[in-house]
Amino acid sequence: MRVAIAGAGAVGRSIAGELLENGHEILLIDKAPTAISVERVPQAEWLLADACEITSLDEAALQRCNVVIAATGDDKVNLVVSLLAKTEYGVPRVVARVNNPKNEWLFNEAWGVDVAVSTPRLMSALVEEAVSVGDLVRLLRFSHGDANLVELTLPPESALAGTQVGDVEWPEDTSLVTIIRGTRVLTPSR
């Protein structure tokens, strides 16, 4: 899979490294010469360019990408990159970094964003997860529709402890993704 990442700072380089380890073809784009650190991610392609400029995205051959990740530290740039990737180049999947939680409402389909990743939201979800048992913790909001990925940790004394998943009356619009018991990951069946 070909992935273009706008923003070659610490976040962009980290994402690139992980995706390269999984066998993907990566292009890192940044307009700051100081961000171009080929020696840090030598297997990636690098492009010194402004990802908000059509000519730069033409040079990057964005239309060949399966995914574009807008990972800069500037929400305005991430929104412009997302919109251009989706509308001008028809990139099937666009993931955008949300830096300021107040801007999270903008990162949606109208701006070309398929998945918005809000670091503050993820951090708060992880904190909530660490301290809450019995409460729903929102981990991720999907921009298509009104879906959320949530986690529910049941205390051992819960009335549902020991109940088969298929016997639990879940809300109508619930879809179980996985169950974790101790260190085991289980695929649920209804």
Protein backbone atom coordinates (compact mmCIF):
# COMPACT_ATOMS: atom_id res chain seq x y z
CA MET A 1 0.00 0.00 0.00
CA ARG A 2 1.31 3.47 -0.87
CA VAL A 3 0.95 6.04 1.92
CA ALA A 4 1.81 9.74 1.79
CA ILE A 5 2.42 11.51 5.08
CA ALA A 6 2.26 15.30 5.20
CA GLY A 7 4.43 16.40 8.08
CA ALA A 8 7.85 14.85 8.66
CA GLY A 9 8.23 15.87 12.29
CA ALA A 10 8.47 13.39 15.13
CA VAL A 11 4.86 12.21 14.63
CA GLY A 12 5.11 11.78 10.86
CA ARG A 13 8.47 10.01 11.06
CA SER A 14 7.19 7.69 13.78
CA ILE A 15 4.12 6.74 11.73
CA ALA A 16 6.35 6.23 8.67
CA GLY A 17 8.68 3.91 10.58
CA GLU A 18 5.83 1.72 11.81
CA LEU A 19 4.19 1.52 8.39
CA LEU A 20 7.50 0.69 6.72
CA GLU A 21 7.98 -2.18 9.19
CA ASN A 22 4.61 -3.50 8.00
CA GLY A 23 5.76 -3.47 4.37
CA HIS A 24 4.10 -0.29 3.11
CA GLU A 25 5.56 2.20 0.63
CA ILE A 26 5.93 5.60 2.33
CA LEU A 27 6.35 9.15 1.05
CA LEU A 28 7.11 11.84 3.63
CA ILE A 29 6.32 15.44 2.60
CA ASP A 30 7.45 18.54 4.49
CA LYS A 31 8.17 22.12 3.49
CA ALA A 32 10.78 22.72 6.20
CA PRO A 33 14.30 21.73 5.12
CA THR A 34 15.13 21.03 8.77
CA ALA A 35 12.39 18.38 8.89
CA ILE A 36 13.94 16.40 6.05
CA SER A 37 15.89 13.74 7.95
CA VAL A 38 16.46 11.03 5.38
CA GLU A 39 18.90 9.26 7.70
CA ARG A 40 16.14 8.81 10.31
CA VAL A 41 13.78 6.99 7.92
CA PRO A 42 16.03 5.97 5.01
CA GLN A 43 13.56 3.48 3.48
CA ALA A 44 10.97 6.22 2.86
CA GLU A 45 10.74 8.54 -0.11
CA TRP A 46 11.17 12.20 0.85
CA LEU A 47 9.78 15.32 -0.77
CA LEU A 48 10.71 18.86 0.26
CA ALA A 49 7.47 20.63 -0.64
CA ASP A 50 4.40 22.41 0.68
CA ALA A 51 1.64 19.79 0.96
CA CYS A 52 -0.98 22.55 0.62
CA GLU A 53 0.16 23.33 -2.93
CA ILE A 54 -1.37 21.49 -5.88
CA THR A 55 1.95 21.48 -7.76
CA SER A 56 3.62 19.77 -4.79
CA LEU A 57 0.89 17.15 -4.59
CA ASP A 58 1.17 16.59 -8.35
CA GLU A 59 4.89 15.99 -7.86
CA ALA A 60 4.08 13.58 -5.03
CA ALA A 61 1.73 11.67 -7.40
CA LEU A 62 -0.94 11.67 -4.70
CA GLN A 63 -3.41 9.98 -7.04
CA ARG A 64 -1.28 6.81 -6.69
CA CYS A 65 -1.72 6.75 -2.89
CA ASN A 66 -4.09 4.44 -1.07
CA VAL A 67 -3.88 6.53 2.10
CA VAL A 68 -2.87 10.09 2.95
CA ILE A 69 -2.03 11.01 6.52
CA ALA A 70 -2.11 14.69 7.43
CA ALA A 71 0.21 14.67 10.44
CA THR A 72 1.49 18.22 10.74
CA GLY A 73 1.32 20.25 13.92
CA ASP A 74 -1.07 22.74 12.27
CA ASP A 75 -4.79 21.91 12.08
CA LYS A 76 -5.35 24.31 9.15
CA VAL A 77 -2.67 22.54 7.11
CA ASN A 78 -4.07 19.12 8.02
CA LEU A 79 -7.54 20.15 6.88
CA VAL A 80 -6.31 21.57 3.56
CA VAL A 81 -4.18 18.49 2.86
CA SER A 82 -7.14 16.23 3.66
CA LEU A 83 -9.54 18.14 1.44
CA LEU A 84 -7.11 18.24 -1.50
CA ALA A 85 -6.22 14.55 -1.14
CA LYS A 86 -9.86 13.50 -1.20
CA THR A 87 -11.36 15.93 -3.72
CA GLU A 88 -8.51 16.62 -6.15
CA TYR A 89 -6.71 13.27 -6.10
CA GLY A 90 -9.43 10.79 -5.12
CA VAL A 91 -7.38 9.22 -2.32
CA PRO A 92 -9.58 6.46 -0.86
CA ARG A 93 -8.58 6.92 2.80
CA VAL A 94 -7.54 10.11 4.57
CA VAL A 95 -6.42 10.19 8.19
CA ALA A 96 -5.85 13.56 9.87
CA ARG A 97 -4.20 14.59 13.11
CA VAL A 98 -6.20 16.97 15.30
CA ASN A 99 -3.87 19.15 17.37
CA ASN A 100 -6.35 21.43 19.10
CA PRO A 101 -9.42 19.66 20.56
CA LYS A 102 -11.52 22.77 19.86
CA ASN A 103 -11.06 22.05 16.14
CA GLU A 104 -12.14 18.43 16.30
CA TRP A 105 -15.63 19.22 14.96
CA LEU A 106 -14.07 20.33 11.64
CA PHE A 107 -12.34 17.04 10.94
CA ASN A 108 -15.14 15.30 9.09
CA GLU A 109 -16.19 14.07 5.66
CA ALA A 110 -16.90 17.62 4.44
CA TRP A 111 -13.16 18.33 4.81
CA GLY A 112 -12.14 14.99 3.27
CA VAL A 113 -11.27 13.35 6.59
CA ASP A 114 -12.18 9.69 7.00
CA VAL A 115 -10.53 9.24 10.38
CA ALA A 116 -9.64 12.06 12.78
CA VAL A 117 -7.02 11.29 15.40
CA SER A 118 -7.09 13.64 18.34
CA THR A 119 -4.07 13.18 20.60
CA PRO A 120 -5.73 15.02 23.51
CA ARG A 121 -8.84 12.82 23.15
CA LEU A 122 -6.75 9.64 23.02
CA MET A 123 -4.72 10.72 26.03
CA SER A 124 -7.82 11.49 28.07
CA ALA A 125 -9.37 8.16 27.01
CA LEU A 126 -6.27 6.32 28.17
CA VAL A 127 -6.33 8.14 31.50
CA GLU A 128 -10.03 7.34 31.91
CA GLU A 129 -9.34 3.72 31.01
CA ALA A 130 -6.65 3.52 33.66
CA VAL A 131 -8.91 4.83 36.42
CA SER A 132 -12.42 3.78 35.47
CA VAL A 133 -14.13 0.47 35.90
CA GLY A 134 -17.77 0.15 34.95
CA ASP A 135 -17.86 3.33 32.84
CA LEU A 136 -17.90 3.68 29.07
CA VAL A 137 -14.68 5.26 27.76
CA ARG A 138 -14.80 6.72 24.23
CA LEU A 139 -11.60 5.73 22.45
CA LEU A 140 -12.32 6.95 18.92
CA ARG A 141 -15.07 8.75 17.02
CA PHE A 142 -15.62 7.69 13.42
CA SER A 143 -16.44 10.56 11.10
CA HIS A 144 -18.84 8.55 8.90
CA GLY A 145 -22.13 8.37 10.70
CA ASP A 146 -22.29 8.81 14.42
CA ALA A 147 -20.24 5.81 15.53
CA ASN A 148 -17.79 5.59 18.41
CA LEU A 149 -15.35 2.95 19.52
CA VAL A 150 -15.85 2.63 23.26
CA GLU A 151 -14.45 0.46 25.99
CA LEU A 152 -16.33 -0.93 28.96
CA THR A 153 -14.42 -2.55 31.80
CA LEU A 154 -16.60 -4.58 34.13
CA PRO A 155 -15.65 -5.01 37.77
CA PRO A 156 -15.34 -8.62 38.94
CA GLU A 157 -18.46 -8.26 41.11
CA SER A 158 -20.59 -7.11 38.15
CA ALA A 159 -23.96 -8.82 37.72
CA LEU A 160 -22.81 -9.72 34.18
CA ALA A 161 -19.62 -11.48 35.34
CA GLY A 162 -19.71 -15.05 34.05
CA THR A 163 -22.56 -14.33 31.61
CA GLN A 164 -22.17 -15.53 28.03
CA VAL A 165 -21.81 -12.63 25.57
CA GLY A 166 -24.74 -13.95 23.56
CA ASP A 167 -26.98 -13.81 26.63
CA VAL A 168 -26.35 -10.10 27.30
CA GLU A 169 -29.02 -7.68 26.08
CA TRP A 170 -26.91 -5.11 24.23
CA PRO A 171 -28.37 -1.84 22.92
CA GLU A 172 -29.76 -2.30 19.41
CA ASP A 173 -27.02 -0.26 17.70
CA THR A 174 -24.12 -2.02 19.48
CA SER A 175 -21.55 -4.04 17.61
CA LEU A 176 -19.01 -5.97 19.68
CA VAL A 177 -15.49 -5.80 18.28
CA THR A 178 -13.46 -7.77 20.80
CA ILE A 179 -13.45 -9.06 24.34
CA ILE A 180 -10.35 -9.06 26.53
CA ARG A 181 -10.20 -11.42 29.49
CA GLY A 182 -6.98 -10.99 31.43
CA THR A 183 -4.39 -11.06 28.67
CA ARG A 184 -6.50 -13.08 26.21
CA VAL A 185 -8.15 -11.38 23.23
CA LEU A 186 -11.40 -13.10 22.23
CA THR A 187 -13.54 -12.64 19.16
CA PRO A 188 -17.15 -12.25 20.26
CA SER A 189 -20.02 -14.22 18.79
CA ARG A 190 -23.64 -13.42 19.41
